[in-house]
Amino acid sequence: MRTYDYIVVGSGSAGAVVAGRLSEDPSTRVLLIEAGGAKKPMRVKVPAAFPTQFKTDLDWEVYTEPEPHLDGRVIYHPRAKLLGGCSAMNAMMYIRGSRHDYDSWAKGGATGWSYDEVLPLFKRSERNSRGASEYHGDAGPLHIEDPRTPTPLTETLIEAMCATGLSRNDDFNGADQLGAGYNQLTQKRGMRWTTADGFVTPATKRANFTLLSGAHVHRVRVANGRAVGVEVEVNGKVEFYAADREVVLSAGAFNTPQLLMLSGIGPADHLAEHGIASVVDNPNVGAHLMDHPLYLTNHETTARGTLAGAESPVQLVKYLAARRGMLTSNIGEAGAFFHTRSGEDAPDVQMFGAPAYFWDNGFATHDKPAFAFALSLVGSTSRGHLRLRSADPKAQIGATFNYFAERADMDSMVAGIERAREAAAYGPLRALTTKEIHPGAAVQTRQEIEAEIRRNVSHTFHPACTARIGTEVDGVVDPDLRVHGVVGLRVADASVFPTIPHGNTHAPTVLVGEKAADLIRATS
């Protein structure tokens, strides 16, 4: 069968949700297309192994253009290429962001996206091990659990964060986001739990659902102003799959705008440079790119129980026999949110506490036990853009994030590093910290800290906002996620965020999938 009611492109944190939910109606025919494979290798299942996926066949391995405010550095961005998308590659932290994110979206014109309106959808997705409450659900497809075997050092990291003036917070998705505590994780009894596990696996048992993996979508075909289907490369041959009702792009903040532009939807002058005929001239496609810059402080320690021994035979046996031990760790076991700016509702810095050395996306190693405090600038205001490098559908998109284009972002990152240093040098960690590895003792003045940030800052793997909700003047989709200027085409992934949420982006992207499914069903 080559004709379906709905075609969903991308099986990630939102696409799996959209396709799974739509297929719950037995009268609809749903096709889910995934460029990556459908298998779930052990390095995906084992939580602590997530960095081993980077720069492998499971990774799109995106590289930016030289970043103008980072000394011209090219930044590597892992992007998952398999069923479940980045929910199969991320650090599994379940963070929704601030209620102020959603209220500001609604106030800015994203009707229906206020916190009170989206909270029921968050709860609908959740199967939280803590049970149902005002803020959580316990019957959804997405397993959310507390760390299964946190290291003893992690509790000390949390106590050290609190010693800097933070309050204890055991639920960053509850009444208040501020404070320090353990991160809840998308796991089930010590194994990673992806959106594919929760939404696609049940759907594959339905006669009306089709999964097409290992298939690369080249473009959306638009006829007389309507999306009629997609052109897909399968086993080296380009085929057409028709959509009677709608096409939903859920290919992520990089690949969704790329597909829109390859389909003639984007800045007309830029498309002309690549010989692509304009269908809808919209300069917002690929614009407004946002992310959370990340800097890691690392410290040598005399503390026992770091993750340095996670790959030992003892830990492997613990994991295989009981799904316990160090291999259940997401590395960033502890978390915190705090303000460095006055007058803002949402916290602008998120701190992760890891009982391990972590540098260069996990590729670097250190010969002594260590712990890390990572600073994620969740209040980042700098914006960049995406541009086609080629009309070849398999060519990488050109991304420029413009990290630290805004002075306030640098000020907040410096303040975050200072707080991490305080946590490591005083309070319960004082007697356990022997040496600061990064930034290092030679980096002391503000000028030196800023230079170090530009040399070594990375990101939190959170690209977003490149096909954002807005008007035809400042956005790509309307509040119902319909692409401006094209009938029968929607976007459902992190690219639709009007602004990036203050926290990890997986949970908000699952929300987009839930919301998209409801919006589509309401108009079918």
Protein backbone atom coordinates (compact mmCIF):
# COMPACT_ATOMS: atom_id res chain seq x y z
CA MET A 1 0.00 0.00 0.00
CA ARG A 2 1.42 3.40 -1.02
CA THR A 3 -1.49 5.61 0.08
CA TYR A 4 -2.18 6.51 3.69
CA ASP A 5 -4.32 8.95 5.60
CA TYR A 6 -1.36 10.29 7.55
CA ILE A 7 2.35 10.16 6.86
CA VAL A 8 4.68 11.03 9.75
CA VAL A 9 8.32 11.72 8.87
CA GLY A 10 10.67 10.96 11.77
CA SER A 11 10.19 8.65 14.75
CA GLY A 12 11.82 10.75 17.46
CA SER A 13 10.55 12.32 20.65
CA ALA A 14 7.49 13.76 18.88
CA GLY A 15 7.08 11.72 15.69
CA ALA A 16 6.70 8.42 17.51
CA VAL A 17 4.01 10.01 19.68
CA VAL A 18 2.07 11.49 16.75
CA ALA A 19 2.10 8.26 14.76
CA GLY A 20 1.28 6.07 17.73
CA ARG A 21 -1.60 8.24 18.87
CA LEU A 22 -3.10 8.63 15.38
CA SER A 23 -3.03 4.86 14.85
CA GLU A 24 -5.22 4.38 17.93
CA ASP A 25 -8.13 5.12 15.58
CA PRO A 26 -8.56 1.87 13.59
CA SER A 27 -10.25 3.71 10.73
CA THR A 28 -7.07 5.63 9.85
CA ARG A 29 -4.06 4.42 7.87
CA VAL A 30 -0.79 5.70 9.35
CA LEU A 31 2.71 5.48 7.86
CA LEU A 32 5.73 6.31 10.02
CA ILE A 33 8.98 6.84 8.10
CA GLU A 34 12.38 6.66 9.80
CA ALA A 35 15.73 7.19 8.08
CA GLY A 36 17.60 5.13 10.66
CA GLY A 37 17.26 1.51 11.65
CA ALA A 38 14.56 -0.10 13.76
CA LYS A 39 16.82 -2.18 16.01
CA LYS A 40 17.75 -1.11 19.55
CA PRO A 41 21.40 -2.08 20.16
CA MET A 42 22.73 -2.74 23.66
CA ARG A 43 24.57 0.61 23.68
CA VAL A 44 21.13 2.22 23.37
CA LYS A 45 19.51 0.09 26.06
CA VAL A 46 22.26 0.59 28.66
CA PRO A 47 21.82 4.11 30.12
CA ALA A 48 25.46 4.88 30.93
CA ALA A 49 26.52 3.89 27.40
CA PHE A 50 24.82 6.78 25.63
CA PRO A 51 28.10 8.59 24.72
CA THR A 52 29.24 5.45 22.86
CA GLN A 53 26.59 6.17 20.23
CA PHE A 54 28.28 9.41 19.18
CA LYS A 55 30.07 9.39 15.82
CA THR A 56 28.77 5.93 14.94
CA ASP A 57 26.22 4.65 12.43
CA LEU A 58 23.53 5.73 14.92
CA ASP A 59 24.49 9.40 14.61
CA TRP A 60 23.79 12.00 11.90
CA GLU A 61 26.98 13.66 13.20
CA VAL A 62 26.18 17.29 12.41
CA TYR A 63 28.91 19.96 12.35
CA THR A 64 28.19 23.67 12.50
CA GLU A 65 29.65 26.42 10.40
CA PRO A 66 32.50 28.27 12.18
CA GLU A 67 30.88 29.94 15.18
CA PRO A 68 31.58 33.71 15.11
CA HIS A 69 31.62 34.19 18.90
CA LEU A 70 33.56 31.00 19.72
CA ASP A 71 36.84 31.85 18.00
CA GLY A 72 35.57 30.38 14.74
CA ARG A 73 35.24 26.86 16.17
CA VAL A 74 33.17 24.21 14.38
CA ILE A 75 30.89 22.51 16.92
CA TYR A 76 29.87 18.85 16.74
CA HIS A 77 26.20 18.04 17.35
CA PRO A 78 25.18 14.38 17.84
CA ARG A 79 21.74 13.65 16.37
CA ALA A 80 20.27 10.17 16.65
CA LYS A 81 19.61 8.14 13.51
CA LEU A 82 17.41 5.29 14.67
CA LEU A 83 13.89 4.48 15.78
CA GLY A 84 13.02 6.72 18.72
CA GLY A 85 15.31 9.49 17.50
CA CYS A 86 17.13 11.42 20.20
CA SER A 87 15.04 9.75 22.90
CA ALA A 88 17.33 6.78 22.13
CA MET A 89 20.53 8.84 22.50
CA ASN A 90 19.94 11.52 25.13
CA ALA A 91 20.84 11.51 28.84
CA MET A 92 17.24 10.53 29.69
CA MET A 93 16.48 13.54 31.92
CA TYR A 94 12.76 14.22 32.12
CA ILE A 95 12.47 17.99 32.53
CA ARG A 96 9.48 19.95 31.24
CA GLY A 97 10.88 23.44 31.66
CA SER A 98 9.29 26.33 33.47
CA ARG A 99 5.56 27.02 33.59
CA HIS A 100 6.56 30.51 32.43
CA ASP A 101 7.76 29.04 29.12
CA TYR A 102 4.32 27.87 28.15
CA ASP A 103 2.51 30.90 29.52
CA SER A 104 4.85 33.17 27.54
CA TRP A 105 4.18 31.12 24.40
CA ALA A 106 0.44 31.57 24.84
CA LYS A 107 0.81 35.26 25.63
CA GLY A 108 2.86 35.66 22.45
CA GLY A 109 0.12 34.19 20.26
CA ALA A 110 0.48 30.40 20.65
CA THR A 111 -3.16 29.93 21.59
CA GLY A 112 -3.79 26.71 23.49
CA TRP A 113 -0.21 26.30 24.73
CA SER A 114 -0.40 27.83 28.22
CA TYR A 115 0.91 25.78 31.14
CA ASP A 116 -2.55 24.96 32.48
CA GLU A 117 -3.60 23.80 29.01
CA VAL A 118 -0.57 21.57 28.36
CA LEU A 119 -0.19 20.06 31.84
CA PRO A 120 -2.89 17.41 31.18
CA LEU A 121 -0.97 16.32 28.07
CA PHE A 122 2.27 15.97 30.04
CA LYS A 123 0.40 13.85 32.57
CA ARG A 124 -1.25 11.77 29.84
CA SER A 125 2.13 10.66 28.49
CA GLU A 126 3.61 9.74 31.87
CA ARG A 127 3.81 6.46 33.70
CA ASN A 128 5.63 7.95 36.68
CA SER A 129 6.96 5.50 39.25
CA ARG A 130 5.99 7.93 42.01
CA GLY A 131 2.31 7.56 41.08
CA ALA A 132 -0.36 10.01 40.01
CA SER A 133 -0.52 13.50 41.51
CA GLU A 134 -1.42 17.06 40.70
CA TYR A 135 1.60 17.24 38.40
CA HIS A 136 2.12 13.65 37.26
CA GLY A 137 0.39 10.74 35.58
CA ASP A 138 0.85 7.02 36.15
CA ALA A 139 -0.94 5.39 33.21
CA GLY A 140 0.80 6.73 30.10
CA PRO A 141 3.18 4.99 27.68
CA LEU A 142 6.31 6.91 28.80
CA HIS A 143 8.05 5.38 31.81
CA ILE A 144 9.53 7.98 34.19
CA GLU A 145 11.56 6.77 37.16
CA ASP A 146 14.00 7.96 39.81
CA PRO A 147 17.65 6.91 39.37
CA ARG A 148 17.77 3.16 40.05
CA THR A 149 21.24 2.94 41.61
CA PRO A 150 22.61 6.45 42.19
CA THR A 151 26.16 6.61 43.49
CA PRO A 152 26.71 7.74 47.10
CA LEU A 153 28.78 10.60 45.69
CA THR A 154 25.69 11.97 43.91
CA GLU A 155 24.01 12.74 47.23
CA THR A 156 27.13 14.66 48.23
CA LEU A 157 27.00 16.61 44.96
CA ILE A 158 23.42 17.62 45.74
CA GLU A 159 24.37 18.64 49.27
CA ALA A 160 27.22 20.72 47.82
CA MET A 161 24.82 22.50 45.47
CA CYS A 162 22.55 23.25 48.41
CA ALA A 163 25.54 24.58 50.37
CA THR A 164 25.77 27.40 47.79
CA GLY A 165 22.33 28.60 48.84
CA LEU A 166 19.98 26.40 46.85
CA SER A 167 16.99 24.69 48.44
CA ARG A 168 16.35 20.95 48.13
CA ASN A 169 13.93 20.10 45.31
CA ASP A 170 12.85 16.53 44.64
CA ASP A 171 10.63 17.38 41.66
CA PHE A 172 11.77 19.84 39.01
CA ASN A 173 8.43 19.25 37.23
CA GLY A 174 6.32 20.07 40.26
CA ALA A 175 5.27 23.29 41.94
CA ASP A 176 8.69 24.97 41.61
CA GLN A 177 11.65 24.39 39.31
CA LEU A 178 14.26 26.05 41.53
CA GLY A 179 16.62 24.10 43.77
CA ALA A 180 18.76 20.96 43.69
CA GLY A 181 17.94 17.24 43.67
CA TYR A 182 17.92 14.04 41.64
CA ASN A 183 16.83 14.06 38.00
CA GLN A 184 13.96 11.78 37.06
CA LEU A 185 14.73 9.68 34.00
CA THR A 186 13.02 8.06 31.01
CA GLN A 187 13.86 4.55 32.15
CA LYS A 188 12.07 1.32 32.98
CA ARG A 189 13.74 -0.79 35.66
CA GLY A 190 17.24 0.35 34.76
CA MET A 191 16.89 0.38 30.96
CA ARG A 192 16.42 3.34 28.65
CA TRP A 193 12.79 3.85 27.65
CA THR A 194 12.31 5.65 24.33
CA THR A 195 9.25 7.09 22.64
CA ALA A 196 9.55 4.18 20.22
CA ASP A 197 9.20 1.77 23.15
CA GLY A 198 6.16 3.61 24.47
CA PHE A 199 4.31 4.62 21.33
CA VAL A 200 5.62 2.71 18.29
CA THR A 201 5.98 -0.82 19.64
CA PRO A 202 2.28 -0.99 20.62
CA ALA A 203 1.31 0.56 17.27
CA THR A 204 3.13 -2.13 15.27
CA LYS A 205 0.52 -4.60 16.50
CA ARG A 206 -2.23 -2.62 14.75
CA ALA A 207 -3.26 -3.48 11.19
CA ASN A 208 -3.62 0.20 10.27
CA PHE A 209 -0.03 1.13 11.18
CA THR A 210 3.00 0.80 8.91
CA LEU A 211 6.62 1.46 9.88
CA LEU A 212 9.10 2.15 7.08
CA SER A 213 12.65 2.30 8.46
CA GLY A 214 15.92 2.83 6.63
CA ALA A 215 14.07 5.23 4.34
CA HIS A 216 15.32 8.76 3.59
CA VAL A 217 12.65 11.34 2.71
CA HIS A 218 13.81 13.66 -0.08
CA ARG A 219 10.97 16.16 -0.03
CA VAL A 220 7.28 16.80 0.48
CA ARG A 221 5.39 16.96 -2.78
CA VAL A 222 3.06 19.97 -2.93
CA ALA A 223 0.37 20.24 -5.62
CA ASN A 224 -1.98 23.22 -5.95
CA GLY A 225 -1.04 24.44 -2.49
CA ARG A 226 -1.58 21.09 -0.77
CA ALA A 227 0.86 18.50 0.57
CA VAL A 228 -0.05 15.30 -1.24
CA GLY A 229 2.71 13.00 -0.05
CA VAL A 230 6.46 12.46 0.22
CA GLU A 231 9.24 11.27 -2.04
CA VAL A 232 11.29 8.66 -0.23
CA GLU A 233 14.50 6.83 -1.06
CA VAL A 234 14.15 3.15 -0.17
CA ASN A 235 16.97 0.73 -1.03
CA GLY A 236 18.46 3.23 -3.45
CA LYS A 237 15.20 3.86 -5.31
CA VAL A 238 13.03 6.98 -4.93
CA GLU A 239 9.37 6.15 -4.40
CA PHE A 240 6.26 8.25 -3.78
CA TYR A 241 3.94 7.70 -0.85
CA ALA A 242 0.63 9.57 -0.92
CA ALA A 243 -1.17 11.15 2.03
CA ASP A 244 -4.93 11.57 1.70
CA ARG A 245 -5.20 13.78 4.77
CA GLU A 246 -1.91 15.15 6.12
CA VAL A 247 1.86 14.94 6.15
CA VAL A 248 3.51 15.60 9.53
CA LEU A 249 7.20 16.51 9.62
CA SER A 250 8.86 15.35 12.85
CA ALA A 251 12.45 15.15 11.64
CA GLY A 252 13.92 17.47 14.27
CA ALA A 253 15.17 21.04 14.45
CA PHE A 254 17.83 20.38 11.78
CA ASN A 255 16.13 18.05 9.32
CA THR A 256 12.59 19.43 9.40
CA PRO A 257 13.56 22.91 8.10
CA GLN A 258 15.89 21.20 5.64
CA LEU A 259 12.96 19.16 4.29
CA LEU A 260 10.77 22.24 4.14
CA MET A 261 13.39 24.07 2.10
CA LEU A 262 13.97 21.08 -0.20
CA SER A 263 10.21 21.12 -0.76
CA GLY A 264 10.23 24.79 -1.80
CA ILE A 265 9.10 26.21 1.53
CA GLY A 266 11.58 28.73 2.87
CA PRO A 267 13.51 31.89 1.92
CA ALA A 268 12.91 32.16 -1.84
CA ASP A 269 16.23 33.86 -2.59
CA HIS A 270 18.17 31.21 -0.69
CA LEU A 271 16.26 28.39 -2.39
CA ALA A 272 17.01 29.93 -5.79
CA GLU A 273 20.74 29.69 -5.01
CA HIS A 274 20.29 25.92 -4.99
CA GLY A 275 17.93 25.71 -7.97
CA ILE A 276 14.84 25.00 -5.86
CA ALA A 277 11.57 26.52 -7.08
CA SER A 278 9.74 28.50 -4.41
CA VAL A 279 6.36 27.17 -3.28
CA VAL A 280 6.04 29.41 -0.22
CA ASP A 281 8.46 32.28 0.39
CA ASN A 282 8.98 32.23 4.15
CA PRO A 283 12.29 33.56 5.53
CA ASN A 284 11.47 32.14 8.98
CA VAL A 285 12.18 28.57 7.88
CA GLY A 286 15.54 27.76 9.43
CA ALA A 287 15.69 31.07 11.31
CA HIS A 288 15.50 31.70 15.09
CA LEU A 289 17.76 28.71 15.89
CA MET A 290 18.23 28.38 19.65
CA ASP A 291 20.16 26.02 21.94
CA HIS A 292 21.53 25.79 25.48
CA PRO A 293 25.32 26.30 25.66
CA LEU A 294 27.05 23.96 28.13
CA TYR A 295 30.32 24.24 30.03
CA LEU A 296 31.68 21.43 32.20
CA THR A 297 33.81 21.92 35.28
CA ASN A 298 35.75 18.77 36.23
CA HIS A 299 37.42 18.06 39.57
CA GLU A 300 39.68 15.29 40.82
CA THR A 301 38.39 13.66 43.99
CA THR A 302 39.35 11.24 46.72
CA ALA A 303 35.72 10.16 47.01
CA ARG A 304 34.93 6.53 46.36
CA GLY A 305 32.13 5.37 44.10
CA THR A 306 32.65 7.52 41.01
CA LEU A 307 31.59 6.01 37.69
CA ALA A 308 35.23 5.30 36.81
CA GLY A 309 34.51 1.61 37.45
CA ALA A 310 31.27 1.44 35.48
CA GLU A 311 32.74 -0.83 32.79
CA SER A 312 34.15 -3.38 35.24
CA PRO A 313 33.01 -7.04 35.08
CA VAL A 314 31.32 -6.64 38.48
CA GLN A 315 29.15 -3.79 37.22
CA LEU A 316 28.33 -5.64 34.00
CA VAL A 317 27.14 -8.66 35.98
CA LYS A 318 25.01 -6.42 38.22
CA TYR A 319 23.41 -4.88 35.17
CA LEU A 320 22.76 -8.07 33.25
CA ALA A 321 21.49 -9.95 36.29
CA ALA A 322 19.32 -7.32 37.99
CA ARG A 323 19.44 -4.10 35.91
CA ARG A 324 21.22 -2.40 38.78
CA GLY A 325 24.60 -0.81 39.39
CA MET A 326 26.62 1.92 37.71
CA LEU A 327 25.50 1.06 34.18
CA THR A 328 21.98 2.26 35.04
CA SER A 329 23.39 5.77 35.51
CA ASN A 330 22.58 8.58 33.10
CA ILE A 331 25.88 10.20 34.27
CA GLY A 332 24.15 13.51 35.12
CA GLU A 333 22.34 12.01 38.09
CA ALA A 334 21.94 15.26 40.06
CA GLY A 335 20.46 18.52 38.90
CA ALA A 336 19.71 22.09 39.94
CA PHE A 337 18.13 25.26 38.62
CA PHE A 338 18.96 28.78 39.75
CA HIS A 339 18.89 32.45 38.76
CA THR A 340 21.89 34.56 37.81
CA ARG A 341 19.77 37.41 36.41
CA SER A 342 17.31 39.59 38.26
CA GLY A 343 13.78 40.26 37.13
CA GLU A 344 13.20 37.00 35.24
CA ASP A 345 10.52 34.46 36.13
CA ALA A 346 12.34 31.32 34.95
CA PRO A 347 15.79 30.21 36.16
CA ASP A 348 18.45 30.85 33.55
CA VAL A 349 21.06 28.21 34.56
CA GLN A 350 20.67 24.47 35.00
CA MET A 351 23.46 22.57 36.75
CA PHE A 352 24.12 18.86 36.40
CA GLY A 353 26.10 16.95 38.98
CA ALA A 354 27.90 13.89 37.60
CA PRO A 355 29.94 11.41 39.68
CA ALA A 356 32.33 11.09 36.75
CA TYR A 357 34.80 12.93 34.57
CA PHE A 358 33.08 14.16 31.40
CA TRP A 359 34.68 16.18 28.60
CA ASP A 360 34.49 16.40 24.81
CA ASN A 361 31.14 14.60 24.62
CA GLY A 362 32.59 11.72 26.60
CA PHE A 363 35.49 11.03 24.22
CA ALA A 364 38.14 12.38 26.60
CA THR A 365 39.37 10.30 29.53
CA HIS A 366 41.13 11.07 32.79
CA ASP A 367 43.44 8.80 34.77
CA LYS A 368 42.13 9.69 38.24
CA PRO A 369 38.66 9.60 39.86
CA ALA A 370 36.73 12.82 39.24
CA PHE A 371 33.32 14.45 39.33
CA ALA A 372 31.79 17.12 37.13
CA PHE A 373 29.42 20.06 37.46
CA ALA A 374 27.96 21.01 34.10
CA LEU A 375 26.39 24.42 33.51
CA SER A 376 23.63 24.57 30.92
CA LEU A 377 22.51 28.06 29.96
CA VAL A 378 18.78 27.35 29.77
CA GLY A 379 18.06 31.08 29.67
CA SER A 380 20.09 31.58 26.50
CA THR A 381 18.79 34.40 24.30
CA SER A 382 21.26 34.21 21.38
CA ARG A 383 19.83 33.04 18.07
CA GLY A 384 21.25 31.61 14.89
CA HIS A 385 20.02 30.10 11.64
CA LEU A 386 20.14 27.13 9.28
CA ARG A 387 20.92 27.21 5.57
CA LEU A 388 21.12 24.55 2.90
CA ARG A 389 24.62 23.59 1.88
CA SER A 390 23.26 21.74 -1.13
CA ALA A 391 20.02 20.66 -2.80
CA ASP A 392 21.15 17.08 -2.17
CA PRO A 393 18.73 15.63 0.43
CA LYS A 394 21.60 13.70 2.01
CA ALA A 395 23.86 16.72 2.43
CA GLN A 396 24.20 18.16 5.93
CA ILE A 397 22.37 21.34 6.80
CA GLY A 398 24.54 24.37 7.54
CA ALA A 399 23.98 25.52 11.12
CA THR A 400 25.20 28.71 12.77
CA PHE A 401 24.06 29.02 16.40
CA ASN A 402 25.67 32.36 17.24
CA TYR A 403 26.33 31.17 20.79
CA PHE A 404 27.03 34.14 23.09
CA ALA A 405 26.04 36.77 20.56
CA GLU A 406 24.17 38.33 23.49
CA ARG A 407 26.30 39.74 26.32
CA ALA A 408 23.82 38.57 28.98
CA ASP A 409 24.48 34.95 27.99
CA MET A 410 28.19 35.25 28.72
CA ASP A 411 27.51 36.96 32.05
CA SER A 412 25.21 34.10 33.12
CA MET A 413 27.65 31.40 32.08
CA VAL A 414 30.46 33.04 34.05
CA ALA A 415 28.18 33.24 37.09
CA GLY A 416 27.29 29.58 36.68
CA ILE A 417 30.93 28.53 36.60
CA GLU A 418 31.62 30.57 39.72
CA ARG A 419 28.80 28.76 41.52
CA ALA A 420 30.08 25.36 40.40
CA ARG A 421 33.53 26.25 41.71
CA GLU A 422 31.97 27.29 45.00
CA ALA A 423 30.14 23.97 45.27
CA ALA A 424 33.35 22.02 44.64
CA ALA A 425 35.59 24.02 46.96
CA TYR A 426 33.39 24.46 50.02
CA GLY A 427 30.82 22.55 52.04
CA PRO A 428 30.65 18.73 51.88
CA LEU A 429 32.95 18.45 48.83
CA ARG A 430 35.78 20.52 50.27
CA ALA A 431 37.59 17.58 51.85
CA LEU A 432 37.00 15.38 48.78
CA THR A 433 38.21 17.74 46.05
CA THR A 434 41.92 17.62 45.29
CA LYS A 435 42.32 19.45 41.99
CA GLU A 436 40.26 21.46 39.52
CA ILE A 437 40.81 20.04 36.04
CA HIS A 438 38.52 22.40 34.13
CA PRO A 439 38.66 25.38 33.93
CA GLY A 440 41.86 24.83 35.94
CA ALA A 441 43.82 26.87 38.45
CA ALA A 442 45.33 29.09 35.73
CA VAL A 443 41.89 30.44 34.80
CA GLN A 444 40.93 33.01 37.44
CA THR A 445 40.09 36.48 36.10
CA ARG A 446 36.83 37.23 34.35
CA GLN A 447 38.68 37.75 31.09
CA GLU A 448 40.36 34.36 31.46
CA ILE A 449 37.05 32.64 32.23
CA GLU A 450 35.38 34.19 29.20
CA ALA A 451 38.26 33.12 26.97
CA GLU A 452 38.02 29.58 28.35
CA ILE A 453 34.29 29.50 27.62
CA ARG A 454 34.88 30.52 24.01
CA ARG A 455 37.60 27.85 23.67
CA ASN A 456 35.76 24.93 25.21
CA VAL A 457 32.04 25.56 25.62
CA SER A 458 29.82 22.91 24.10
CA HIS A 459 26.03 22.54 24.11
CA THR A 460 23.28 20.54 25.81
CA PHE A 461 22.13 18.80 22.59
CA HIS A 462 18.99 20.99 22.39
CA PRO A 463 18.60 22.65 18.95
CA ALA A 464 15.13 24.17 18.59
CA CYS A 465 12.84 26.90 17.20
CA THR A 466 13.71 26.61 13.47
CA ALA A 467 10.09 26.22 12.32
CA ARG A 468 8.49 28.03 15.18
CA ILE A 469 4.89 28.81 16.01
CA GLY A 470 4.03 32.34 14.93
CA THR A 471 2.26 34.44 12.37
CA GLU A 472 3.07 34.37 8.66
CA VAL A 473 5.35 37.33 9.38
CA ASP A 474 7.44 35.84 12.20
CA GLY A 475 6.77 32.07 12.21
CA VAL A 476 6.51 28.92 10.13
CA VAL A 477 3.47 27.20 11.65
CA ASP A 478 0.31 28.46 13.32
CA PRO A 479 -0.69 27.43 16.88
CA ASP A 480 -2.31 24.31 15.38
CA LEU A 481 1.12 23.42 13.89
CA ARG A 482 -0.10 23.90 10.30
CA VAL A 483 2.58 25.19 7.92
CA HIS A 484 1.68 28.64 6.65
CA GLY A 485 0.78 28.61 2.98
CA VAL A 486 0.39 24.83 2.55
CA VAL A 487 -2.73 22.79 3.26
CA GLY A 488 -2.31 19.33 4.77
CA LEU A 489 1.19 19.89 6.15
CA ARG A 490 2.13 20.19 9.83
CA VAL A 491 5.29 20.19 11.89
CA ALA A 492 5.59 18.41 15.23
CA ASP A 493 9.02 18.48 16.89
CA ALA A 494 11.31 20.88 18.79
CA SER A 495 11.53 23.17 15.78
CA VAL A 496 8.03 24.56 16.56
CA PHE A 497 8.97 25.97 19.98
CA PRO A 498 8.41 29.74 19.82
CA THR A 499 11.35 30.07 22.25
CA ILE A 500 13.46 27.33 23.77
CA PRO A 501 12.19 26.03 27.14
CA HIS A 502 14.22 26.47 30.32
CA GLY A 503 15.39 22.86 30.63
CA ASN A 504 15.96 19.67 28.68
CA THR A 505 13.93 19.50 25.49
CA HIS A 506 12.83 15.84 25.36
CA ALA A 507 9.74 16.18 27.57
CA PRO A 508 8.52 19.37 25.80
CA THR A 509 8.97 17.61 22.46
CA VAL A 510 6.88 14.66 23.64
CA LEU A 511 4.28 17.27 24.58
CA VAL A 512 4.36 18.62 21.01
CA GLY A 513 3.64 15.11 19.75
CA GLU A 514 0.67 14.73 22.10
CA LYS A 515 -0.65 18.16 21.18
CA ALA A 516 -0.23 17.53 17.45
CA ALA A 517 -2.15 14.27 17.64
CA ASP A 518 -5.05 16.00 19.40
CA LEU A 519 -5.08 18.88 16.91
CA ILE A 520 -5.06 16.51 13.93
CA ARG A 521 -7.80 14.30 15.35
CA ALA A 522 -9.93 17.37 16.07
CA THR A 523 -9.92 18.34 12.38
CA SER A 524 -10.15 14.89 10.78
